[in-house]
Protein backbone atom coordinates (compact mmCIF):
# COMPACT_ATOMS: atom_id res chain seq x y z
CA MET A 1 93.85 112.00 81.33
CA ARG A 2 97.43 111.52 80.30
CA GLN A 3 98.62 108.44 78.47
CA PHE A 4 101.87 106.60 79.54
CA ARG A 5 103.82 104.15 77.71
CA LEU A 6 104.98 101.15 79.75
CA GLY A 7 107.61 98.24 79.55
CA VAL A 8 107.66 95.25 81.79
CA ALA A 9 110.91 93.53 82.83
CA GLY A 10 110.15 89.82 83.12
CA ALA A 11 107.76 87.77 81.25
CA GLY A 12 107.00 84.78 83.52
CA LYS A 13 103.89 83.45 85.14
CA ILE A 14 102.88 86.44 87.27
CA VAL A 15 102.98 88.87 84.22
CA ARG A 16 101.01 86.27 82.18
CA ASP A 17 98.59 85.59 84.92
CA GLN A 18 98.03 89.05 86.28
CA HIS A 19 99.98 92.03 84.79
CA LEU A 20 98.89 91.87 81.15
CA ASP A 21 95.29 91.82 81.65
CA ALA A 22 95.46 94.65 84.18
CA ILE A 23 97.58 96.92 82.28
CA ARG A 24 95.32 96.55 79.21
CA ALA A 25 92.29 97.33 81.17
CA THR A 26 93.60 100.41 82.65
CA GLU A 27 92.77 103.69 80.87
CA GLY A 28 95.93 105.60 80.36
CA LEU A 29 98.42 102.90 80.01
CA GLU A 30 99.91 101.24 76.84
CA LEU A 31 102.12 98.29 77.11
CA VAL A 32 104.42 98.57 74.21
CA ALA A 33 107.57 96.24 75.19
CA SER A 34 108.78 93.36 77.33
CA ALA A 35 112.42 92.58 78.50
CA ASP A 36 113.11 88.92 79.26
CA PRO A 37 116.32 86.70 78.17
CA HIS A 38 114.11 83.45 78.23
CA SER A 39 110.55 84.56 77.48
CA ARG A 40 108.70 86.59 74.99
CA LEU A 41 105.44 88.20 75.17
CA GLU A 42 102.95 88.11 72.16
CA ASP A 43 101.67 91.44 70.55
CA VAL A 44 104.35 93.44 72.11
CA ALA A 45 108.18 94.17 71.11
CA SER A 46 110.30 91.75 72.88
CA TYR A 47 113.93 92.26 74.05
CA ALA A 48 116.48 90.19 75.50
CA SER A 49 117.39 92.80 78.25
CA LEU A 50 116.05 96.13 79.84
CA GLU A 51 118.92 97.97 78.41
CA GLU A 52 118.12 96.78 74.95
CA MET A 53 114.40 97.59 75.50
CA LEU A 54 115.15 101.02 76.79
CA ASP A 55 117.84 101.73 73.84
CA ALA A 56 115.06 100.41 71.25
CA GLU A 57 112.17 102.32 73.03
CA PRO A 58 113.35 105.55 74.26
CA ASP A 59 109.75 106.97 74.62
CA ILE A 60 108.85 104.55 77.37
CA ASP A 61 107.57 106.26 80.35
CA ALA A 62 107.70 103.53 83.09
CA VAL A 63 108.73 100.17 83.55
CA ALA A 64 107.26 97.43 85.63
CA ILE A 65 109.63 95.19 87.25
CA CYS A 66 108.47 91.78 87.48
CA THR A 67 111.42 89.68 87.93
CA PRO A 68 112.44 87.50 91.06
CA ALA A 69 113.45 89.64 93.72
CA HIS A 70 117.11 89.26 93.53
CA LEU A 71 117.14 91.27 90.19
CA ARG A 72 114.89 93.86 91.04
CA HIS A 73 117.49 96.49 92.45
CA ARG A 74 119.73 96.40 89.58
CA LEU A 75 116.94 96.55 86.93
CA ALA A 76 115.21 99.27 88.82
CA SER A 77 118.40 101.42 89.22
CA GLN A 78 118.86 100.91 85.38
CA ALA A 79 115.43 102.25 84.90
CA LEU A 80 115.74 105.15 87.15
CA ALA A 81 118.93 106.27 85.77
CA ARG A 82 117.35 106.39 82.35
CA GLY A 83 114.70 108.65 83.71
CA LYS A 84 111.95 105.96 83.94
CA ALA A 85 109.20 105.81 86.66
CA VAL A 86 109.34 102.28 88.23
CA LEU A 87 106.65 99.72 89.45
CA LEU A 88 108.04 97.03 91.74
CA GLU A 89 106.41 93.79 91.98
CA LYS A 90 106.48 92.48 95.63
CA PRO A 91 108.61 92.41 97.38
CA PRO A 92 110.30 95.46 96.22
CA GLY A 93 113.88 94.16 96.61
CA ALA A 94 115.77 91.27 98.15
CA THR A 95 116.95 93.35 101.09
CA LEU A 96 115.94 96.41 102.97
CA ALA A 97 119.25 98.15 102.05
CA GLU A 98 118.24 97.65 98.25
CA VAL A 99 114.85 99.18 98.86
CA GLN A 100 116.16 102.21 100.85
CA ASP A 101 118.71 102.70 97.88
CA LEU A 102 115.96 102.72 95.37
CA LYS A 103 113.85 105.19 97.29
CA ALA A 104 116.82 107.51 97.52
CA GLN A 105 117.55 107.27 93.88
CA ALA A 106 114.07 108.06 92.89
CA GLU A 107 113.75 110.73 95.48
CA LYS A 108 116.85 112.42 94.02
CA ALA A 109 115.62 112.22 90.49
CA GLY A 110 112.10 113.12 91.15
CA LEU A 111 110.81 109.94 89.66
CA THR A 112 107.72 107.77 90.35
CA LEU A 113 108.51 104.70 92.26
CA PHE A 114 105.71 102.34 93.57
CA ALA A 115 105.91 99.09 95.70
CA ALA A 116 103.07 97.37 94.61
CA TRP A 117 101.65 95.50 97.27
CA HIS A 118 98.81 93.91 95.36
CA SER A 119 96.69 92.35 98.22
CA ARG A 120 95.93 95.94 99.40
CA PHE A 121 93.85 96.31 96.34
CA ALA A 122 91.73 93.24 96.94
CA PRO A 123 87.93 94.23 96.87
CA GLY A 124 87.32 94.15 100.69
CA ILE A 125 90.30 96.00 101.95
CA ALA A 126 88.82 99.62 101.68
CA ALA A 127 85.71 98.75 103.33
CA ALA A 128 87.59 96.77 105.89
CA ALA A 129 89.54 99.93 106.70
CA GLU A 130 86.54 101.80 107.13
CA TRP A 131 84.66 99.36 109.33
CA LEU A 132 87.93 98.92 111.67
CA ALA A 133 88.20 102.85 111.74
CA GLY A 134 85.73 103.31 114.47
CA ARG A 135 86.61 100.33 116.67
CA ARG A 136 89.53 99.28 118.97
CA VAL A 137 91.40 96.12 117.66
CA GLU A 138 91.69 93.68 120.45
CA GLY A 139 93.38 90.75 118.45
CA VAL A 140 94.31 89.81 114.85
CA ASP A 141 94.54 85.91 113.72
CA ILE A 142 96.12 85.41 110.25
CA ARG A 143 96.05 82.11 108.49
CA TRP A 144 97.65 82.03 105.07
CA HIS A 145 97.83 78.45 103.56
CA GLU A 146 98.35 77.24 99.89
CA ASP A 147 99.73 74.45 98.09
CA VAL A 148 103.07 75.48 96.66
CA ARG A 149 102.95 72.99 93.87
CA VAL A 150 99.83 74.72 92.59
CA TRP A 151 100.69 78.20 93.01
CA HIS A 152 104.49 78.37 92.46
CA PRO A 153 105.28 75.10 90.41
CA GLY A 154 109.10 74.72 89.61
CA GLN A 155 110.00 77.88 91.11
CA ALA A 156 113.16 76.75 92.65
CA TRP A 157 114.31 80.42 93.38
CA LEU A 158 111.65 80.28 96.42
CA TRP A 159 113.69 77.94 98.16
CA GLU A 160 117.15 79.89 97.84
CA ALA A 161 118.44 82.44 99.98
CA GLY A 162 116.48 85.80 99.53
CA GLY A 163 113.55 83.56 97.90
CA MET A 164 111.46 83.96 101.00
CA GLY A 165 109.92 80.45 100.86
CA VAL A 166 106.38 80.59 102.61
CA PHE A 167 106.81 84.27 103.13
CA ASP A 168 106.29 84.96 99.42
CA PRO A 169 102.59 84.45 99.60
CA GLY A 170 102.76 85.36 103.51
CA ILE A 171 103.92 88.75 102.82
CA ASN A 172 100.73 89.52 101.01
CA ALA A 173 98.93 88.96 104.39
CA LEU A 174 101.31 91.26 105.99
CA SER A 175 100.73 94.00 103.49
CA ILE A 176 97.02 93.86 104.45
CA VAL A 177 97.55 93.86 108.15
CA THR A 178 100.17 96.63 108.07
CA ALA A 179 97.80 98.62 106.14
CA LEU A 180 94.71 98.11 108.08
CA LEU A 181 96.13 98.57 111.78
CA PRO A 182 96.46 102.03 112.92
CA ASP A 183 99.37 101.30 115.21
CA PRO A 184 102.73 99.40 114.22
CA PHE A 185 103.33 95.80 115.76
CA PHE A 186 106.55 94.00 116.72
CA LEU A 187 107.62 90.40 116.28
CA LYS A 188 108.04 88.82 119.72
CA ARG A 189 108.38 85.03 118.51
CA ALA A 190 108.64 83.09 115.24
CA ASN A 191 109.09 79.46 114.57
CA LEU A 192 110.25 78.50 110.79
CA VAL A 193 109.88 75.20 109.30
CA VAL A 194 112.75 74.83 107.03
CA PRO A 195 113.18 71.66 104.40
CA ALA A 196 116.59 70.03 104.71
CA ASN A 197 117.46 71.15 101.20
CA ALA A 198 116.17 74.61 101.32
CA GLN A 199 117.37 78.04 102.81
CA THR A 200 113.94 79.31 103.44
CA PRO A 201 110.71 78.21 105.32
CA ILE A 202 107.92 76.04 104.20
CA ALA A 203 105.84 76.98 106.94
CA ALA A 204 106.05 79.44 110.02
CA THR A 205 104.23 80.58 112.94
CA LEU A 206 104.47 83.81 114.44
CA GLU A 207 103.41 86.26 117.23
CA TRP A 208 103.56 90.10 117.37
CA ARG A 209 102.34 92.63 119.77
CA THR A 210 101.44 96.35 119.60
CA ALA A 211 102.88 98.61 122.04
CA ASP A 212 99.47 98.43 123.74
CA GLY A 213 99.75 94.87 124.12
CA VAL A 214 97.43 93.77 121.20
CA LEU A 215 98.38 89.98 120.10
CA LEU A 216 98.57 89.15 116.59
CA SER A 217 99.22 85.68 115.44
CA GLY A 218 100.27 84.31 112.12
CA ASP A 219 100.16 80.70 110.67
CA PHE A 220 101.80 80.52 107.17
CA ASP A 221 102.01 77.15 105.35
CA PHE A 222 103.06 76.05 101.80
CA ARG A 223 101.86 72.34 102.59
CA HIS A 224 98.05 73.04 102.55
CA GLU A 225 96.13 71.03 99.82
CA ASP A 226 94.16 73.35 97.32
CA PRO A 227 92.05 75.27 97.57
CA PRO A 228 94.20 77.87 99.34
CA CYS A 229 93.03 79.33 102.59
CA TRP A 230 93.94 83.22 102.68
CA GLU A 231 92.16 84.74 105.70
CA MET A 232 92.41 86.81 108.51
CA THR A 233 90.06 87.78 111.69
CA PHE A 234 90.12 91.18 113.67
CA VAL A 235 88.55 91.18 117.10
CA THR A 236 87.23 94.37 118.04
CA ASP A 237 85.39 96.16 121.01
CA GLY A 238 82.64 96.36 118.42
CA GLY A 239 82.62 93.02 116.69
CA THR A 240 84.35 90.52 114.53
CA LEU A 241 85.66 91.41 110.97
CA THR A 242 87.18 88.58 108.75
CA LEU A 243 88.71 88.75 105.65
CA GLU A 244 88.60 85.53 103.17
CA ALA A 245 89.77 84.87 99.90
CA GLY A 246 92.76 87.13 100.33
CA GLY A 247 90.62 89.89 100.95
CA ALA A 248 87.80 89.43 98.05
CA ARG A 249 85.39 88.49 100.84
CA LEU A 250 84.58 90.45 103.91
CA ILE A 251 82.27 89.21 106.70
CA ALA A 252 81.30 91.25 109.80
CA ASP A 253 79.78 89.47 112.72
CA GLY A 254 78.66 86.53 110.28
CA ARG A 255 77.07 89.14 107.55
CA THR A 256 78.80 89.09 104.19
CA LEU A 257 79.42 92.58 103.20
CA ILE A 258 81.72 92.14 100.18
CA ASP A 259 82.23 88.85 97.97
CA GLU A 260 83.54 90.03 94.82
CA PRO A 261 85.83 88.17 92.05
CA GLU A 262 89.50 88.89 92.65
CA ARG A 263 90.71 92.13 90.71
CA GLU A 264 93.92 93.38 92.53
CA TYR A 265 96.05 94.10 89.81
CA GLN A 266 93.56 96.54 88.15
CA GLY A 267 93.93 98.46 91.38
CA VAL A 268 97.53 98.33 91.49
CA TYR A 269 97.72 99.83 87.76
CA ALA A 270 95.07 102.31 88.44
CA HIS A 271 97.00 103.53 91.50
CA PHE A 272 100.15 103.50 89.40
CA HIS A 273 98.63 105.62 86.73
CA SER A 274 97.57 108.18 89.38
CA LEU A 275 101.05 108.32 90.89
CA LEU A 276 102.46 108.80 87.23
CA GLU A 277 100.08 111.76 86.66
CA ALA A 278 100.86 113.21 89.98
CA GLY A 279 104.64 112.80 89.87
CA GLN A 280 104.51 110.95 93.35
CA ARG A 281 106.03 108.02 95.16
CA ASP A 282 104.45 105.14 97.00
CA MET A 283 107.18 102.97 98.75
CA ASP A 284 105.96 101.50 101.89
CA ILE A 285 108.33 98.96 103.05
CA THR A 286 106.68 97.66 106.28
CA PRO A 287 105.71 94.40 104.95
CA LEU A 288 109.26 93.42 103.89
CA GLN A 289 110.48 94.78 107.29
CA GLN A 290 108.05 92.30 109.21
CA VAL A 291 109.44 89.39 106.82
CA ALA A 292 113.04 90.48 107.55
CA ASP A 293 112.37 90.52 111.28
CA ALA A 294 110.84 86.85 110.96
CA LEU A 295 114.05 85.59 109.20
CA MET A 296 116.27 87.31 111.67
CA LEU A 297 114.54 86.42 114.96
CA GLY A 298 112.87 83.07 113.90
CA HIS A 299 113.81 79.86 115.50
CA ARG A 300 114.46 77.39 112.68
CA GLN A 301 113.16 73.78 112.78
CA ALA A 302 114.46 71.19 110.17
CA THR A 303 111.85 69.08 108.28
CA GLU A 304 112.12 66.57 105.43
CA ALA A 305 113.53 67.83 102.12
CA PHE A 306 110.77 69.29 99.54
CA VAL A 307 110.78 67.83 96.18
CA ASP A 308 108.44 69.56 93.56
CA ASP A 309 106.16 67.50 91.34
CA ASP A 310 109.08 67.77 88.42
CA GLY A 311 111.49 66.30 90.72
CA SER A 312 113.40 69.18 91.41
CA ALA A 313 114.20 70.13 94.90
């Protein structure tokens, strides 16, 4: 097994909550440095910028970009220009044009580039794909509710243009559905509930249809009291399949098939290592396309201003 030296750009909550343990648990990966102007990680060399990190650590093989989305294109471009493979936290960019440009850069340079849709690596997803493979899907219902004050405290960037609001977690659901359904689906209507002091929605309801007329409905809400509700149900010609707990629990016709602890990011980094070994790319952008369609087509409904627990908007 080949060994790869890894740096991370960004040292915030998601890195500390998920990436660090997953990297350290993945055979063949070694975390050697981090780059963040505002935060440092313990036990690894820390630098104020990605450029500084790459200058000081020229033997780094790959960089995980874990900053807010609006910074990812610039940082990923820097890393690719220095000959480094790149893992992109979701979403892989702030716009579709940015992501397409990164794909072109990586293809031209022959470098690994990975859009890390972590929810696709939840314990029940592979088994769900296998269960659905022999059945015709007749309808899908998505409920993705959580308390923004619990899961994203003080993250004001969520409410700015490009921050995606409730679609920051909602895109996780879309990453699962786009991976599991055999056919593409197309947005037909969307209602976006937008706080008076925000540019992005705090809640949204959506409807899609496939070319064959299969209806998908989505209900995303940031105002849900903890614990969260991350679930989706697939009605098929051969029974009903439900994914709960973000995909950690799989239930078929009332019978629990899988109920395991969340370990998505271990799957993310195991897959990244396999891409590095093979020199391949994995840049599916369909979840981001679905969010872009919702923000473009959705009807906006104003609601009261959002104030976080720390008093910030």
